[in-house]
């Protein structure tokens, strides 16, 4: 497996909707490389467009930094339902390094996805796992954390990011 370069904002690929994965077998190496890249970054989730692969696929392991590994590879995920209760939390992103952005999201989601073994799963996620899933799912639709910021505040976040990146 290999650690891949991470695509950073404002690369236009981060604003594009991804295509479905047609063959689970064809993405096995990519999945392994994405896990290696995510852990090396170090992050808790990584979507395929963040490594330049425009496919509906993400990996996540929300608890590994606390010593509990719970890795998931989620192929062609679909959010089937979302809690009507929302919470605002600051989120970071490997593609916008060093910038924390307040994002409002549902506190729980029901997700259907295909695993790396080709099995279809459906599960309810809440708390931080639900937030991670929604963050990575956004990437598959060409949405980054900055897109959740009110227009009158976005310029300030962009300036802060560009200043930190130089």
N, C-alpha and C. Protein backbone atom coordinates (compact mmCIF):
# COMPACT_ATOMS: atom_id res chain seq x y z
N UNK A 1 0.84 -1.19 0.00
CA UNK A 1 0.00 0.00 0.00
C UNK A 1 0.89 1.25 0.00
N UNK A 2 0.26 2.38 -0.29
CA UNK A 2 1.04 3.61 -0.44
C UNK A 2 0.30 4.79 0.17
N UNK A 3 1.08 5.77 0.60
CA UNK A 3 0.51 7.04 1.05
C UNK A 3 0.42 7.94 -0.18
N UNK A 4 -0.78 8.42 -0.46
CA UNK A 4 -1.04 9.23 -1.64
C UNK A 4 -1.01 10.72 -1.29
N UNK A 5 -0.71 11.58 -2.28
CA UNK A 5 -0.81 13.02 -2.02
C UNK A 5 -2.27 13.43 -1.83
N UNK A 6 -2.50 14.33 -0.90
CA UNK A 6 -3.86 14.81 -0.62
C UNK A 6 -4.11 16.08 -1.43
N UNK A 7 -5.23 16.08 -2.14
CA UNK A 7 -5.67 17.23 -2.93
C UNK A 7 -6.12 18.32 -1.96
N UNK A 8 -5.63 19.54 -2.14
CA UNK A 8 -6.01 20.63 -1.24
C UNK A 8 -6.83 21.70 -1.97
N UNK A 9 -7.70 22.32 -1.18
CA UNK A 9 -8.54 23.40 -1.66
C UNK A 9 -7.66 24.57 -2.08
N UNK A 10 -7.93 25.27 -3.18
CA UNK A 10 -9.15 25.28 -3.98
C UNK A 10 -9.11 24.42 -5.25
N UNK A 11 -8.45 23.30 -5.24
CA UNK A 11 -8.42 22.41 -6.40
C UNK A 11 -9.87 22.14 -6.86
N UNK A 12 -10.16 22.34 -8.14
CA UNK A 12 -11.54 22.20 -8.63
C UNK A 12 -12.12 20.79 -8.48
N UNK A 13 -11.29 19.77 -8.34
CA UNK A 13 -11.82 18.42 -8.15
C UNK A 13 -12.62 18.31 -6.86
N UNK A 14 -12.30 19.15 -5.88
CA UNK A 14 -13.02 19.11 -4.60
C UNK A 14 -14.43 19.68 -4.71
N UNK A 15 -14.74 20.30 -5.85
CA UNK A 15 -16.07 20.87 -6.08
C UNK A 15 -16.90 20.04 -7.06
N UNK A 16 -16.42 18.87 -7.42
CA UNK A 16 -17.11 18.03 -8.40
C UNK A 16 -17.80 16.85 -7.74
N UNK A 17 -18.97 16.52 -8.27
CA UNK A 17 -19.70 15.33 -7.82
C UNK A 17 -18.98 14.10 -8.37
N UNK A 18 -18.88 13.07 -7.56
CA UNK A 18 -18.15 11.85 -7.94
C UNK A 18 -19.06 10.83 -8.61
N UNK A 19 -18.44 9.95 -9.38
CA UNK A 19 -19.14 8.87 -10.08
C UNK A 19 -19.24 7.63 -9.19
N UNK A 20 -20.28 6.83 -9.38
CA UNK A 20 -20.39 5.58 -8.62
C UNK A 20 -19.24 4.63 -8.92
N UNK A 21 -18.89 3.83 -7.93
CA UNK A 21 -17.92 2.76 -8.13
C UNK A 21 -18.65 1.64 -8.86
N UNK A 22 -18.09 1.21 -9.99
CA UNK A 22 -18.72 0.15 -10.79
C UNK A 22 -18.29 -1.24 -10.34
N UNK A 23 -17.05 -1.36 -9.85
CA UNK A 23 -16.51 -2.67 -9.48
C UNK A 23 -15.78 -2.56 -8.14
N UNK A 24 -16.27 -3.29 -7.15
CA UNK A 24 -15.63 -3.30 -5.83
C UNK A 24 -14.21 -3.84 -5.96
N UNK A 25 -14.01 -4.84 -6.78
CA UNK A 25 -12.68 -5.43 -6.96
C UNK A 25 -11.68 -4.40 -7.50
N UNK A 26 -12.15 -3.50 -8.34
CA UNK A 26 -11.26 -2.52 -8.97
C UNK A 26 -10.75 -1.46 -8.01
N UNK A 27 -11.36 -1.31 -6.83
CA UNK A 27 -10.95 -0.25 -5.90
C UNK A 27 -10.23 -0.79 -4.67
N UNK A 28 -9.89 -2.06 -4.64
CA UNK A 28 -9.25 -2.65 -3.46
C UNK A 28 -7.92 -1.98 -3.12
N UNK A 29 -7.07 -1.77 -4.12
CA UNK A 29 -5.78 -1.11 -3.87
C UNK A 29 -6.01 0.32 -3.42
N UNK A 30 -6.94 1.02 -4.07
CA UNK A 30 -7.25 2.40 -3.69
C UNK A 30 -7.70 2.46 -2.24
N UNK A 31 -8.55 1.55 -1.82
CA UNK A 31 -9.02 1.54 -0.42
C UNK A 31 -7.85 1.39 0.54
N UNK A 32 -6.96 0.46 0.28
CA UNK A 32 -5.78 0.29 1.14
C UNK A 32 -4.91 1.52 1.17
N UNK A 33 -4.70 2.13 0.00
CA UNK A 33 -3.90 3.36 -0.08
C UNK A 33 -4.58 4.50 0.67
N UNK A 34 -5.90 4.56 0.59
CA UNK A 34 -6.62 5.62 1.30
C UNK A 34 -6.51 5.46 2.81
N UNK A 35 -6.61 4.23 3.31
CA UNK A 35 -6.41 4.02 4.75
C UNK A 35 -5.00 4.43 5.15
N UNK A 36 -3.99 4.02 4.38
CA UNK A 36 -2.61 4.40 4.69
C UNK A 36 -2.45 5.91 4.71
N UNK A 37 -3.06 6.58 3.74
CA UNK A 37 -2.97 8.04 3.63
C UNK A 37 -3.68 8.71 4.80
N UNK A 38 -4.87 8.23 5.14
CA UNK A 38 -5.64 8.80 6.24
C UNK A 38 -4.88 8.69 7.56
N UNK A 39 -4.35 7.50 7.85
CA UNK A 39 -3.62 7.32 9.11
C UNK A 39 -2.34 8.14 9.14
N UNK A 40 -1.66 8.27 8.01
CA UNK A 40 -0.40 9.03 7.95
C UNK A 40 -0.64 10.52 8.07
N UNK A 41 -1.82 11.01 7.70
CA UNK A 41 -2.07 12.46 7.61
C UNK A 41 -1.92 13.25 8.91
N UNK A 42 -2.35 12.90 10.07
CA UNK A 42 -3.27 11.85 10.47
C UNK A 42 -4.70 12.38 10.48
N UNK A 43 -5.62 11.64 9.89
CA UNK A 43 -7.02 12.04 9.87
C UNK A 43 -7.92 10.94 10.37
N UNK A 44 -9.21 11.25 10.40
CA UNK A 44 -10.21 10.28 10.85
C UNK A 44 -11.07 9.79 9.69
N UNK A 45 -10.98 10.46 8.56
CA UNK A 45 -11.73 10.07 7.38
C UNK A 45 -11.05 10.63 6.15
N UNK A 46 -11.31 10.00 5.01
CA UNK A 46 -10.72 10.46 3.75
C UNK A 46 -11.62 9.98 2.62
N UNK A 47 -12.02 10.92 1.77
CA UNK A 47 -12.85 10.59 0.62
C UNK A 47 -11.99 10.48 -0.64
N UNK A 48 -12.43 9.65 -1.56
CA UNK A 48 -11.66 9.40 -2.78
C UNK A 48 -11.27 10.67 -3.53
N UNK A 49 -12.14 11.68 -3.67
CA UNK A 49 -11.70 12.88 -4.39
C UNK A 49 -10.55 13.62 -3.70
N UNK A 50 -10.36 13.38 -2.41
CA UNK A 50 -9.25 14.02 -1.70
C UNK A 50 -7.90 13.44 -2.10
N UNK A 51 -7.92 12.30 -2.80
CA UNK A 51 -6.68 11.75 -3.35
C UNK A 51 -6.76 11.71 -4.88
N UNK A 52 -7.70 12.47 -5.44
CA UNK A 52 -7.79 12.62 -6.89
C UNK A 52 -8.57 11.55 -7.61
N UNK A 53 -9.22 10.65 -6.89
CA UNK A 53 -10.05 9.60 -7.51
C UNK A 53 -11.50 10.05 -7.41
N UNK A 54 -12.12 10.32 -8.52
CA UNK A 54 -13.46 10.90 -8.52
C UNK A 54 -14.54 9.81 -8.45
N UNK A 55 -14.50 9.08 -7.34
CA UNK A 55 -15.39 7.95 -7.11
C UNK A 55 -16.14 8.11 -5.80
N UNK A 56 -17.33 7.53 -5.72
CA UNK A 56 -18.16 7.60 -4.51
C UNK A 56 -17.68 6.54 -3.51
N UNK A 57 -16.64 6.91 -2.81
CA UNK A 57 -15.96 6.02 -1.88
C UNK A 57 -15.28 6.86 -0.81
N UNK A 58 -15.42 6.43 0.45
CA UNK A 58 -14.61 7.04 1.50
C UNK A 58 -14.24 6.00 2.53
N UNK A 59 -13.17 6.31 3.27
CA UNK A 59 -12.75 5.47 4.39
C UNK A 59 -12.80 6.32 5.65
N UNK A 60 -13.01 5.67 6.77
CA UNK A 60 -13.00 6.41 8.04
C UNK A 60 -12.68 5.46 9.18
N UNK A 61 -12.11 6.04 10.20
CA UNK A 61 -11.84 5.36 11.46
C UNK A 61 -11.86 6.46 12.52
N UNK A 62 -13.04 6.74 13.02
CA UNK A 62 -13.24 7.91 13.89
C UNK A 62 -12.59 7.80 15.25
N UNK A 63 -12.27 6.60 15.70
CA UNK A 63 -11.79 6.43 17.07
C UNK A 63 -10.34 5.95 17.18
N UNK A 64 -9.64 5.82 16.06
CA UNK A 64 -8.28 5.24 16.13
C UNK A 64 -7.34 6.10 16.95
N UNK A 65 -7.55 7.41 16.98
CA UNK A 65 -6.65 8.28 17.75
C UNK A 65 -6.81 8.06 19.25
N UNK A 66 -7.94 7.48 19.65
CA UNK A 66 -8.18 7.16 21.06
C UNK A 66 -7.79 5.72 21.38
N UNK A 67 -7.18 5.03 20.43
CA UNK A 67 -6.71 3.68 20.66
C UNK A 67 -7.70 2.57 20.32
N UNK A 68 -8.85 2.93 19.77
CA UNK A 68 -9.85 1.94 19.39
C UNK A 68 -10.03 1.99 17.88
N UNK A 69 -9.57 0.96 17.19
CA UNK A 69 -9.71 0.94 15.74
C UNK A 69 -11.10 0.46 15.35
N UNK A 70 -11.74 1.21 14.47
CA UNK A 70 -13.05 0.86 13.93
C UNK A 70 -13.10 1.32 12.48
N UNK A 71 -12.26 0.72 11.61
CA UNK A 71 -12.18 1.20 10.23
C UNK A 71 -13.36 0.75 9.38
N UNK A 72 -13.82 1.66 8.53
CA UNK A 72 -14.86 1.38 7.55
C UNK A 72 -14.40 1.86 6.19
N UNK A 73 -14.67 1.07 5.15
CA UNK A 73 -14.59 1.54 3.77
C UNK A 73 -16.03 1.56 3.27
N UNK A 74 -16.47 2.70 2.78
CA UNK A 74 -17.87 2.86 2.40
C UNK A 74 -17.93 3.21 0.92
N UNK A 75 -18.43 2.27 0.14
CA UNK A 75 -18.51 2.39 -1.31
C UNK A 75 -19.96 2.72 -1.70
N UNK A 76 -20.12 3.70 -2.57
CA UNK A 76 -21.44 4.14 -3.04
C UNK A 76 -22.41 4.36 -1.88
N UNK A 77 -22.01 5.13 -0.87
CA UNK A 77 -22.88 5.34 0.29
C UNK A 77 -24.10 6.20 -0.07
N UNK A 78 -25.19 5.93 0.65
CA UNK A 78 -26.42 6.72 0.50
C UNK A 78 -26.93 7.01 1.90
N UNK A 79 -27.17 8.28 2.20
CA UNK A 79 -27.80 8.64 3.47
C UNK A 79 -29.30 8.43 3.29
N UNK A 80 -29.83 7.44 4.00
CA UNK A 80 -31.23 7.05 3.87
C UNK A 80 -32.15 7.91 4.73
N UNK A 81 -31.63 8.38 5.87
CA UNK A 81 -32.41 9.20 6.78
C UNK A 81 -31.45 10.02 7.63
N UNK A 82 -31.95 11.17 8.08
CA UNK A 82 -31.15 12.04 8.96
C UNK A 82 -32.05 12.54 10.09
N UNK A 83 -31.48 12.58 11.27
CA UNK A 83 -32.16 13.09 12.46
C UNK A 83 -32.58 14.54 12.19
N UNK A 84 -33.72 14.92 12.75
CA UNK A 84 -34.20 16.30 12.59
C UNK A 84 -33.53 17.26 13.57
N UNK A 85 -32.77 16.71 14.52
CA UNK A 85 -32.05 17.52 15.49
C UNK A 85 -30.65 17.80 14.95
N UNK A 86 -30.19 19.04 15.08
CA UNK A 86 -28.90 19.46 14.52
C UNK A 86 -27.97 19.94 15.63
N UNK A 87 -26.68 19.91 15.31
CA UNK A 87 -25.66 20.40 16.24
C UNK A 87 -24.57 21.07 15.43
N UNK A 88 -24.04 22.16 15.97
CA UNK A 88 -22.92 22.86 15.33
C UNK A 88 -21.64 22.45 16.05
N UNK A 89 -20.65 22.03 15.27
CA UNK A 89 -19.32 21.72 15.80
C UNK A 89 -18.28 22.21 14.81
N UNK A 90 -17.10 22.52 15.31
CA UNK A 90 -16.01 22.88 14.41
C UNK A 90 -15.45 21.62 13.77
N UNK A 91 -15.17 21.71 12.47
CA UNK A 91 -14.62 20.59 11.73
C UNK A 91 -13.34 21.01 11.04
N UNK A 92 -12.38 20.11 11.03
CA UNK A 92 -11.18 20.27 10.23
C UNK A 92 -11.29 19.38 9.01
N UNK A 93 -10.39 19.60 8.05
CA UNK A 93 -10.41 18.81 6.82
C UNK A 93 -8.99 18.66 6.31
N UNK A 94 -8.62 17.44 5.93
CA UNK A 94 -7.27 17.21 5.41
C UNK A 94 -7.02 18.00 4.13
N UNK A 95 -8.08 18.36 3.41
CA UNK A 95 -7.92 19.13 2.17
C UNK A 95 -7.89 20.64 2.40
N UNK A 96 -8.18 21.05 3.62
CA UNK A 96 -8.08 22.47 3.99
C UNK A 96 -7.31 22.52 5.31
N UNK A 97 -6.03 22.12 5.28
CA UNK A 97 -5.28 21.94 6.52
C UNK A 97 -5.16 23.22 7.35
N UNK A 98 -5.31 23.04 8.66
CA UNK A 98 -5.11 24.14 9.59
C UNK A 98 -6.33 25.01 9.81
N UNK A 99 -7.43 24.75 9.12
CA UNK A 99 -8.62 25.60 9.25
C UNK A 99 -9.75 24.82 9.90
N UNK A 100 -10.29 25.37 10.98
CA UNK A 100 -11.45 24.78 11.65
C UNK A 100 -12.67 25.65 11.31
N UNK A 101 -13.74 24.99 10.89
CA UNK A 101 -14.93 25.69 10.42
C UNK A 101 -16.16 25.16 11.17
N UNK A 102 -17.02 26.07 11.69
CA UNK A 102 -18.24 25.60 12.34
C UNK A 102 -19.23 25.07 11.28
N UNK A 103 -19.70 23.83 11.50
CA UNK A 103 -20.62 23.20 10.55
C UNK A 103 -21.81 22.64 11.32
N UNK A 104 -23.01 22.97 10.86
CA UNK A 104 -24.23 22.43 11.45
C UNK A 104 -24.63 21.16 10.70
N UNK A 105 -24.85 20.07 11.45
CA UNK A 105 -25.21 18.79 10.84
C UNK A 105 -26.23 18.06 11.71
N UNK A 106 -27.02 17.16 11.11
CA UNK A 106 -27.87 16.29 11.91
C UNK A 106 -27.02 15.45 12.87
N UNK A 107 -27.56 15.17 14.05
CA UNK A 107 -26.79 14.43 15.06
C UNK A 107 -26.76 12.93 14.80
N UNK A 108 -27.61 12.44 13.88
CA UNK A 108 -27.64 11.01 13.56
C UNK A 108 -28.07 10.82 12.11
N UNK A 109 -27.55 9.75 11.49
CA UNK A 109 -27.94 9.40 10.12
C UNK A 109 -28.06 7.89 9.99
N UNK A 110 -28.86 7.47 9.03
CA UNK A 110 -28.91 6.07 8.62
C UNK A 110 -28.22 6.00 7.27
N UNK A 111 -27.22 5.13 7.18
CA UNK A 111 -26.41 5.04 5.96
C UNK A 111 -26.50 3.64 5.38
N UNK A 112 -26.63 3.60 4.05
CA UNK A 112 -26.50 2.33 3.32
C UNK A 112 -25.24 2.44 2.48
N UNK A 113 -24.44 1.37 2.44
CA UNK A 113 -23.21 1.38 1.67
C UNK A 113 -22.81 -0.04 1.31
N UNK A 114 -21.89 -0.15 0.38
CA UNK A 114 -21.29 -1.42 0.03
C UNK A 114 -19.91 -1.44 0.68
N UNK A 115 -19.57 -2.56 1.31
CA UNK A 115 -18.25 -2.69 1.96
C UNK A 115 -17.21 -3.13 0.94
N UNK A 116 -15.96 -3.15 1.37
CA UNK A 116 -14.87 -3.59 0.49
C UNK A 116 -14.97 -5.07 0.13
N UNK A 117 -15.82 -5.82 0.84
CA UNK A 117 -16.04 -7.23 0.49
C UNK A 117 -17.23 -7.41 -0.44
N UNK A 118 -17.89 -6.30 -0.79
CA UNK A 118 -19.03 -6.35 -1.70
C UNK A 118 -20.37 -6.53 -1.03
N UNK A 119 -20.39 -6.58 0.30
CA UNK A 119 -21.64 -6.74 1.03
C UNK A 119 -22.33 -5.38 1.20
N UNK A 120 -23.66 -5.40 1.09
CA UNK A 120 -24.44 -4.18 1.30
C UNK A 120 -24.83 -4.12 2.78
N UNK A 121 -24.61 -2.97 3.38
CA UNK A 121 -24.89 -2.75 4.80
C UNK A 121 -25.82 -1.56 4.96
N UNK A 122 -26.56 -1.55 6.06
CA UNK A 122 -27.30 -0.38 6.47
C UNK A 122 -27.18 -0.30 7.98
N UNK A 123 -26.85 0.91 8.46
CA UNK A 123 -26.65 1.06 9.90
C UNK A 123 -26.98 2.49 10.31
N UNK A 124 -27.34 2.64 11.57
CA UNK A 124 -27.56 3.96 12.15
C UNK A 124 -26.27 4.41 12.82
N UNK A 125 -25.92 5.66 12.61
CA UNK A 125 -24.73 6.25 13.23
C UNK A 125 -25.15 7.53 13.94
N UNK A 126 -24.53 7.80 15.09
CA UNK A 126 -24.82 9.05 15.77
C UNK A 126 -23.53 9.66 16.29
N UNK A 127 -23.66 10.85 16.86
CA UNK A 127 -22.51 11.52 17.44
C UNK A 127 -21.41 11.79 16.43
N UNK A 128 -20.18 11.56 16.88
CA UNK A 128 -19.02 11.90 16.06
C UNK A 128 -18.94 11.06 14.79
N UNK A 129 -19.35 9.78 14.87
CA UNK A 129 -19.35 8.94 13.66
C UNK A 129 -20.31 9.51 12.61
N UNK A 130 -21.49 9.96 13.03
CA UNK A 130 -22.45 10.56 12.09
C UNK A 130 -21.86 11.80 11.45
N UNK A 131 -21.16 12.60 12.25
CA UNK A 131 -20.53 13.81 11.72
C UNK A 131 -19.45 13.44 10.70
N UNK A 132 -18.61 12.47 11.02
CA UNK A 132 -17.55 12.05 10.08
C UNK A 132 -18.16 11.56 8.77
N UNK A 133 -19.20 10.75 8.87
CA UNK A 133 -19.85 10.23 7.66
C UNK A 133 -20.37 11.38 6.81
N UNK A 134 -21.05 12.33 7.42
CA UNK A 134 -21.62 13.44 6.65
C UNK A 134 -20.53 14.30 6.03
N UNK A 135 -19.42 14.49 6.74
CA UNK A 135 -18.30 15.27 6.22
C UNK A 135 -17.74 14.58 4.97
N UNK A 136 -17.47 13.28 5.07
CA UNK A 136 -16.91 12.56 3.92
C UNK A 136 -17.92 12.44 2.79
N UNK A 137 -19.18 12.24 3.13
CA UNK A 137 -20.25 12.18 2.13
C UNK A 137 -20.32 13.49 1.35
N UNK A 138 -20.16 14.61 2.04
CA UNK A 138 -20.14 15.91 1.36
C UNK A 138 -19.09 15.93 0.26
N UNK A 139 -17.90 15.41 0.55
CA UNK A 139 -16.83 15.40 -0.46
C UNK A 139 -17.28 14.69 -1.74
N UNK A 140 -18.07 13.64 -1.61
CA UNK A 140 -18.52 12.89 -2.78
C UNK A 140 -19.47 13.70 -3.65
N UNK A 141 -20.05 14.75 -3.05
CA UNK A 141 -20.97 15.63 -3.77
C UNK A 141 -20.33 16.98 -4.10
N UNK A 142 -19.02 17.08 -3.95
CA UNK A 142 -18.32 18.32 -4.29
C UNK A 142 -18.50 19.43 -3.27
N UNK A 143 -18.74 19.07 -2.03
CA UNK A 143 -18.96 20.05 -0.96
C UNK A 143 -17.82 19.96 0.04
N UNK A 144 -17.23 21.10 0.39
CA UNK A 144 -16.20 21.17 1.42
C UNK A 144 -16.74 21.97 2.60
N UNK A 145 -16.03 21.93 3.72
CA UNK A 145 -16.52 22.62 4.93
C UNK A 145 -16.80 24.09 4.68
N UNK A 146 -15.97 24.74 3.87
CA UNK A 146 -16.18 26.16 3.59
C UNK A 146 -17.54 26.44 2.95
N UNK A 147 -18.09 25.46 2.26
CA UNK A 147 -19.40 25.64 1.62
C UNK A 147 -20.52 25.71 2.65
N UNK A 148 -20.26 25.34 3.89
CA UNK A 148 -21.26 25.42 4.96
C UNK A 148 -21.24 26.78 5.67
N UNK A 149 -20.26 27.60 5.36
CA UNK A 149 -20.11 28.90 6.03
C UNK A 149 -21.01 29.93 5.35
N UNK A 150 -21.63 30.77 6.15
CA UNK A 150 -22.48 31.85 5.61
C UNK A 150 -21.65 32.73 4.68
N UNK A 151 -22.25 33.16 3.56
CA UNK A 151 -21.50 33.96 2.58
C UNK A 151 -20.80 35.18 3.18
N UNK A 152 -21.42 35.82 4.17
CA UNK A 152 -20.80 37.02 4.75
C UNK A 152 -19.59 36.68 5.63
N UNK A 153 -19.41 35.40 5.98
CA UNK A 153 -18.27 34.99 6.81
C UNK A 153 -17.23 34.20 6.03
N UNK A 154 -17.60 33.71 4.85
CA UNK A 154 -16.70 32.82 4.10
C UNK A 154 -15.40 33.51 3.73
N UNK A 155 -15.46 34.76 3.30
CA UNK A 155 -14.24 35.47 2.88
C UNK A 155 -13.22 35.50 4.01
N UNK A 156 -13.68 35.68 5.24
CA UNK A 156 -12.77 35.70 6.38
C UNK A 156 -12.08 34.36 6.58
N UNK A 157 -12.83 33.27 6.43
CA UNK A 157 -12.24 31.93 6.55
C UNK A 157 -11.25 31.67 5.43
N UNK A 158 -11.61 32.09 4.20
CA UNK A 158 -10.71 31.89 3.07
C UNK A 158 -9.41 32.66 3.26
N UNK A 159 -9.52 33.89 3.75
CA UNK A 159 -8.33 34.70 4.01
C UNK A 159 -7.46 34.05 5.08
N UNK A 160 -8.09 33.56 6.15
CA UNK A 160 -7.34 32.89 7.22
C UNK A 160 -6.63 31.66 6.69
N UNK A 161 -7.29 30.89 5.83
CA UNK A 161 -6.67 29.68 5.26
C UNK A 161 -5.50 30.06 4.36
N UNK A 162 -5.72 31.01 3.49
CA UNK A 162 -4.64 31.40 2.57
C UNK A 162 -3.46 31.98 3.33
N UNK A 163 -3.73 32.70 4.42
CA UNK A 163 -2.65 33.25 5.23
C UNK A 163 -1.87 32.17 5.93
N UNK A 164 -2.57 31.13 6.40
CA UNK A 164 -1.90 30.02 7.09
C UNK A 164 -1.13 29.15 6.12
N UNK A 165 -1.56 29.10 4.86
CA UNK A 165 -0.93 28.23 3.87
C UNK A 165 0.35 28.82 3.29
N UNK A 166 0.57 30.11 3.50
CA UNK A 166 1.78 30.73 2.93
C UNK A 166 2.92 30.75 3.91
